Every structure is written in C-alpha cells, then in structure tokens.
Amino acid sequence: MSSSPGEEGRLPQAAPSHNTQDLFDSPAPTEAAGNTPEDQVSPVLDASPSSTTSFEMIDMETVPAPYREVQPHWFFCRRANDNTSWLPFSREDSDKLEQACNSDEGEVVVAVDGERYDVHVKERKRYAVYWEQGPTEVRRCTWFYKGDKDTRFMPYSEDFGKSLEEAYMIAVTLDEWKTKLDFPTGETVILHNPKLIMQYQPIGLQDEWMTSPSEQTRPRTVKRGVENIIVEIPEGEPEKVDHLVFMVHGIGPACDLRFRSIIQCVNDFRSASLSLLASHYKRAQQDGQVSRVEFLPVNWHSALHGDATGVDEDIQRITLPSISRLRHFTNDTLLDLFFYNSPTYCQTIVDTVASEINRLHTLFKQRHPEFTGAVSVVGHSLGSLILFDMLTNQVAGSEAREGMPSSETCHLNYDTLEQTLTRLGLEQYLDTLQAENLDLESLSLCHDSDLKVLGIPLGPRKKILKYAKRKWLPEDCKTGTVHLAPGLQFPSQVTNDHDGNQSSGVTPQQSQFHRTQSVTSAVDYEYFDVGIGQVSIDYPQLAFRPQTFFAFGSPIGMFLTVRGLKRIDPNYTFPTCKSFYNIYHPYDPVAYRIEPMIVSEVDLEPMLIPHHKGRKRMHLELKDSLTRMSMDLKNNVLGSLRTAWQSFSRLPAAAALPPVEEGETTIERNLEETHGVCEEVESSVSAEQQSEIKVGMLNGGRRIDYVLQEKPIESFNEYLFAIQSHLCYWESEDTALLLLKEIYDKQGVAFEQPQQ
C-alpha cells in the first residue's frame, strides 16, 4: 500500500512529467474506462474528454493573471482518538515562523500560542513548555486537498507542495494548462485550469474494500494557498499577561464527558476568556488597559497513579475481575476521594499540587520577566478541596516566598532533650532516647512506630511527638518569614540520541529548570481555630500570595461538615488569600454551599451569575414573571380585602346596625393578620439587598456562593443532566466572565456589555 496524501497527508518527492500537450486530443483508449487517471475524469464531471465545452474551457477568454508566489501558512498536527487534524497557527505566529525559516542561523526556537509552546523551526517540531506532551509535527503549508468525505482541507507535505507550485508556475507563465503530474507511487495531479486542479489515485493503490467503482474514481479537490480554503485562522494573543491563573483538576484523569485531559479543558476555558475579553472589554483593549489572562493546568493525578507510588498495582491485585469497566472507572476516579483522606496519599497529592504550582510559577516568570500582575487559583471538584486545605494552612507574612531559594538554614529552638522530657513529666524515658542518640531534631522526624519499637507506651509517645513537632518549627516560620529550601534538580524528561534528536515532549530548555522544594509546616488541629480536617499532614507553602480562590463544583462544604465543623467563624479568612468564590451549577450533585456555614441566621439565596449576553435565560425570566404575577395577584387580593374592611370600619354608626358579634371580631383579627402578612411580603429582602449583606471575611465581606443559570433543556430533567452539570464549567462562558470581572475589577477596569 502506498503512502498517498489521503492516508498520511504527504507524497514522496517525485520528478513530475509536465505534459503541456492537450491530454484530451488523443483518441480514447481501447481498455476499459477507469484504467488511467485521465479516464477517471469522465464519471465525475459528466463531460467527454474530447469535448470543447467541458469544464477545462472555463475562463479561457479572460486574460491570465501574472504568476505570483504562493503565500505559505504554518500549521501544526494534532492527534486525538486516532484522528489526525492539522490546525493553523495565528497569522502573527505564522509570520514569526516564516521569518525564522528564512533566516540563515542554525536551529531557531520560536515561542507560539502565548508562549505556551516552542517551535524548533529547522526540526519542524512543536514542544509544550509547561506540561508533558509529545512533540507534534509542524508544516509550512502551501497546497491543500480535500476528498468528498473529508470535513476540512488537509495540507500536502512541503516537498509535494513544492512540486505542485513549480508545475503551477510553468502553467501560468506559459499559459498552458491541462498539465499532468505523475508520481512514482501512481498518484496523478492534473492542472485543468487555474481554478480546477484535481488529484487522482490509481485503482491498484486504493482500498480493496471499496464498495463501488464510483468511489474508486472519485478525485480529490486541490487548492493553492490558505486564502482559497475554508479554515478558521485564530486571532493572535497579546504578548502582555495581566493575570495568571492556575487550574487544579478533580478526581480522575479526564475532566469532561468527552474524556479530555485537564490540558484540553483549560485550553477551552482560555479560548472562552479571550473571546469574552474581545467582546466585553473591547474598549479597554483598544486603550491598552487590558491584554489577556493566562490559564495554566495543574495535573496531580499522574503523580498519584504513577510508578512512584505503586498504588495502582496494589489496587489491581485486589480488584475483582467482574464488571471490569466499572471497576476500572472506580479505581481510576472515585478512589481519589479515599486517597485524599489517607495520610499517606494525601501528603503525596498535596505535595504534588504545591510543587507543580510553584514550578509553573517559576517557569512562567522566567519566560515573562516583565510580568507584574497577580496570581489566582482555581480548583474543580476535589481540586477545590485540596486548594482550600492548602490555603488554610499557609503562613501569613512570608515575604521571602517571592525571592529566590535560599540555602540559609532556619534558626531552631535548641531546648535540650532533658529539659523537654522534664517539662512533659517523662524523665524516665531520657536514658532510652539517649541510648538511640535521639535529640529534639531527631524526635521531630520520628513516627509513632519508631518510638513504639523502643518500648515507650502510647500516651508518652503521643506527648513526645506532639511537643517535638510543635516546638521544633523554624523560628522564621513562627515570625512569618519562610526560607525556601535549596532547589532540587528537576529530572530531565528529554533524552538525546547521537544525532541530537529528542525523544520526549519536553524541550531542552525545560530540563534546565529546577523544581523548588516546598517548605512544610506542621498543623496542630487541636489548637487550630477553624479545624478543617482530620488528616494530619505537613502542608507545603506556595511561592506567592494568591489574589483569589475560585472553586468550581466544590464539595468543600460537605467535607467540612463531615469533618465535624459546625460553623465557620465570620471573621476567618485565608492567611494569604483574601477572596473566595464558590461557583456551582444548580444541578451539580457534587457541589455544596458555603454561606450557610457562616451566616446561619439568615436564609440567603445564592447570587445568580449573569448570563454573558447580559440577561437571564428566557425560561428563567418566564419563571420569575409567573412568580411575580402570582405574588402581585395575592397582594392585590389581600389589599382589596384590607381596603374593603377599612371602608366598612369607617361607616357611620346607625341604630339599625346590630352590635359587633364575637365572630366579626375574629374576622377583623384575621384581616389584620393578613395585612401583616402583606407587609411582610412587601418588606422581604430583594436580590439586590442580599448582594449587599456582609457574609464573613472569606471573600472580604462579599457574597461567596454563586450559581449558574441552567439551560432550558436542562430544566426539563435535572437528573439527566446531573453529571454533565458537574463538568460544565470548563466551557461555561458565564463562569469565565465572572472570573474576568473579579480580576479586572481589582485593576479598576469595568467591563462593557456588548449590544445584542
């Protein structure tokens, strides 16, 4: 089987034969139709090869345009689910690649796609910068083809496009068409005229399972230049970044119903934000006040389920063989919840999230040295709980985080072991510990099992370990200054062969970056004011102060309640993050509210997130209108009764009127109660008033719970769309706009509602 353009998108370079003789002036062959590419034209175009009125006579009377060199555009290859597609770079990136291609320097690396990828121009490879991803092919495209069953045009290989361009130049210059190009593999391209160029395949090279001869003889349409094909070229991204956002995923390796990774989902969210910036911050962009927000994915699932922990292999040994697909789904996704409640694997998850965020932050600042904006974090599902626990245990006032890693050691509390045991009333164990050469520093590194081996009872063990870990903290951590430990060499993901070719998706530059070891601080839950968990681990410190924490579809409220937390102190706030938004879909089965745990005495409805088009969805407006009509009708009826009673009570007394009976007094009392109900309804708290209610300090006194508007089709059956509702945030324009409003409001830039 040959490697035709339809299979691999390329043809081997050939020495084409340029036949300027009219192909259709020769007599018809005696063999059966369809044996040659020329004969394959007739069934498709319904024209005789010798006819002078066929399609090749189109525009023959017009003056031929002079030859102009084709303008190339750069594409990159994307493979997903065994499907290969070619996507164009933005015009700005394509121009940068073209300039680099024409330079006389050696290997040139060009940053593209908002500097999230590097293209090695000579190698024709595109590498991811921030995450692990295999290299993808890059192509300088000039000619394209499309079959009847193809949805989009595919680019030819550069060598094949060069051959087509040479033939096209000769045909235009000499004004001689019907030129045929034959290739050694049997494929044929015929340039009938400037607007009609077709590619044919010989029958022998076609799939033997073709259903009919007509499918075998169907040619492909060939187009020259990207301007002659239907393709959406993306807009280039501004170089300047106003704000950086890290997005942490939830359970499992997939983030939506299409089983896409966190990288792909964050790409969608970034695209939505760029579109909203262009529509809702158009004037601010024109004035140079707004550039863009960068969103970077944080992947922790692969570290937990990788070979380092071996947990997948352990789980697989005890997994039953029945209903294998369901059990695989459970092991790969739902078990993450149990892993997070395990001290062993919870430590792994938290350390991975913190180190990955710090690594991405360092790498981003190295690639964007001019960046002066703030940083926020987003967590989806379990990812939001991880961030909540981590932010709760950050050390306030640690300005040294912003600096480079320091090799200085922390000043330690040098109480002697004897003084410590005396203070605890455990002097009898001094000889036992000294026999093992243990001091306070060593004790802080010991586990309960270590002291148990020495024969120390449970009660004294707990006292010793608790005191050692509380007292043996860095003094800098106590005073609010944290020195980062020396950086550890980030293991290189790139292996080079003798030719210098890379066999991994990480660039050589990426292997030079260092992963900074996070400083951890012990958390004593017995003395913690809020109490956010029963898993006692060391929480690492982030290298920056997050401006805002956004939680998508978050189970934080449920986990805090299960952990035994009844109420969140209204004065409590994260030590290093002063804003917190709990964003959820009304049908999300995993999402829970936060505000009722802070303000229990007031029944607050969640804040409704506005639609990005500036109004409520139609079915919600209709629902609200019916509710208002019902309330107005009730108020009018009660108001009419009240007016009638007042008129009746003002009538002049007459001798003919009987005295007021006891039953009438009851009616009066009922009407007065009704009047009170009316006034209570009229004085109910409106949505605007609810938004002004101060709800603790987790979000600086502002509202915390924000609910999305469900779509009309979702309102018909909320159970049917429950799972989809938990995964909808990555493509939600309403969610993206809420983030942009929060980010740019802090910069003093207001959004503008576009005219619909």
Foldseek 3Di string as FASTA:
>chain_A
DADDCVRVVEHPFFDWDWDLPQPLVDDDDPDDAQQALLSLPCVVQVDRSNDPPGPLCPPVPPDFDADDDFDWFKWWWDDDPNDIDIATFAPVQRVVLVVVVPDPDDFDWDQGDLSQWIARNVVQWIFGAQDFDFIIGMAGFWKWKDFPPDPFTGGYHPSVVVVVRVSVNVCRVVVRAQTWTAGPQAKIWGGSDQQFIWIAHGQVPDDPPDPDVNVNSGIMTMDGHPVPTDHDRDHGAFNAAAEEEEEEEAFFQAQAPVRDGQQVLLVLLQVLLVVLCCFWVVVCVVVVNDGGYHYDYQDQLCQLPDPVPCVVVVVVVPDDPPPVVVVVCCSRGVCVVVLCQDLVSVQSSQQSRQLSQQLSVVSVCVVVVVDDHAYAYEYAAVRLVSVVVLLQPAQFQAPQLQDDADADDFDWDPDWQCVLCVVVVNNVCPVLCVVVVDTLVNLQVDDLVVVVVSVDDPVVSVVSNVVSQVRGDGPCSVVRHDHWHDWDQDADPWDADPVRDTDTSHDPVSNRDTRTRFDWHWDDQVPDPQRQADRTHTRGHHSHQHAEYEYELYQSVVSSVVRPGQADALADARSRYQAAAYEFAPLAPSHDDDLCRQDVPDDADFAEQAALLGHADPVVVVVVVVVVVVLVVLLVVLVVVLVVVVVVVPDDDDPPDDDDDPVVVVVVVVSVVSVVVSVCVVPDQDSVNSQQQQRGRHHDRGGHYYYYHDDPVCVVPSVVCRSNRSSVLSNRSSNSVVVVQVSCVVVVRHIHNHDD
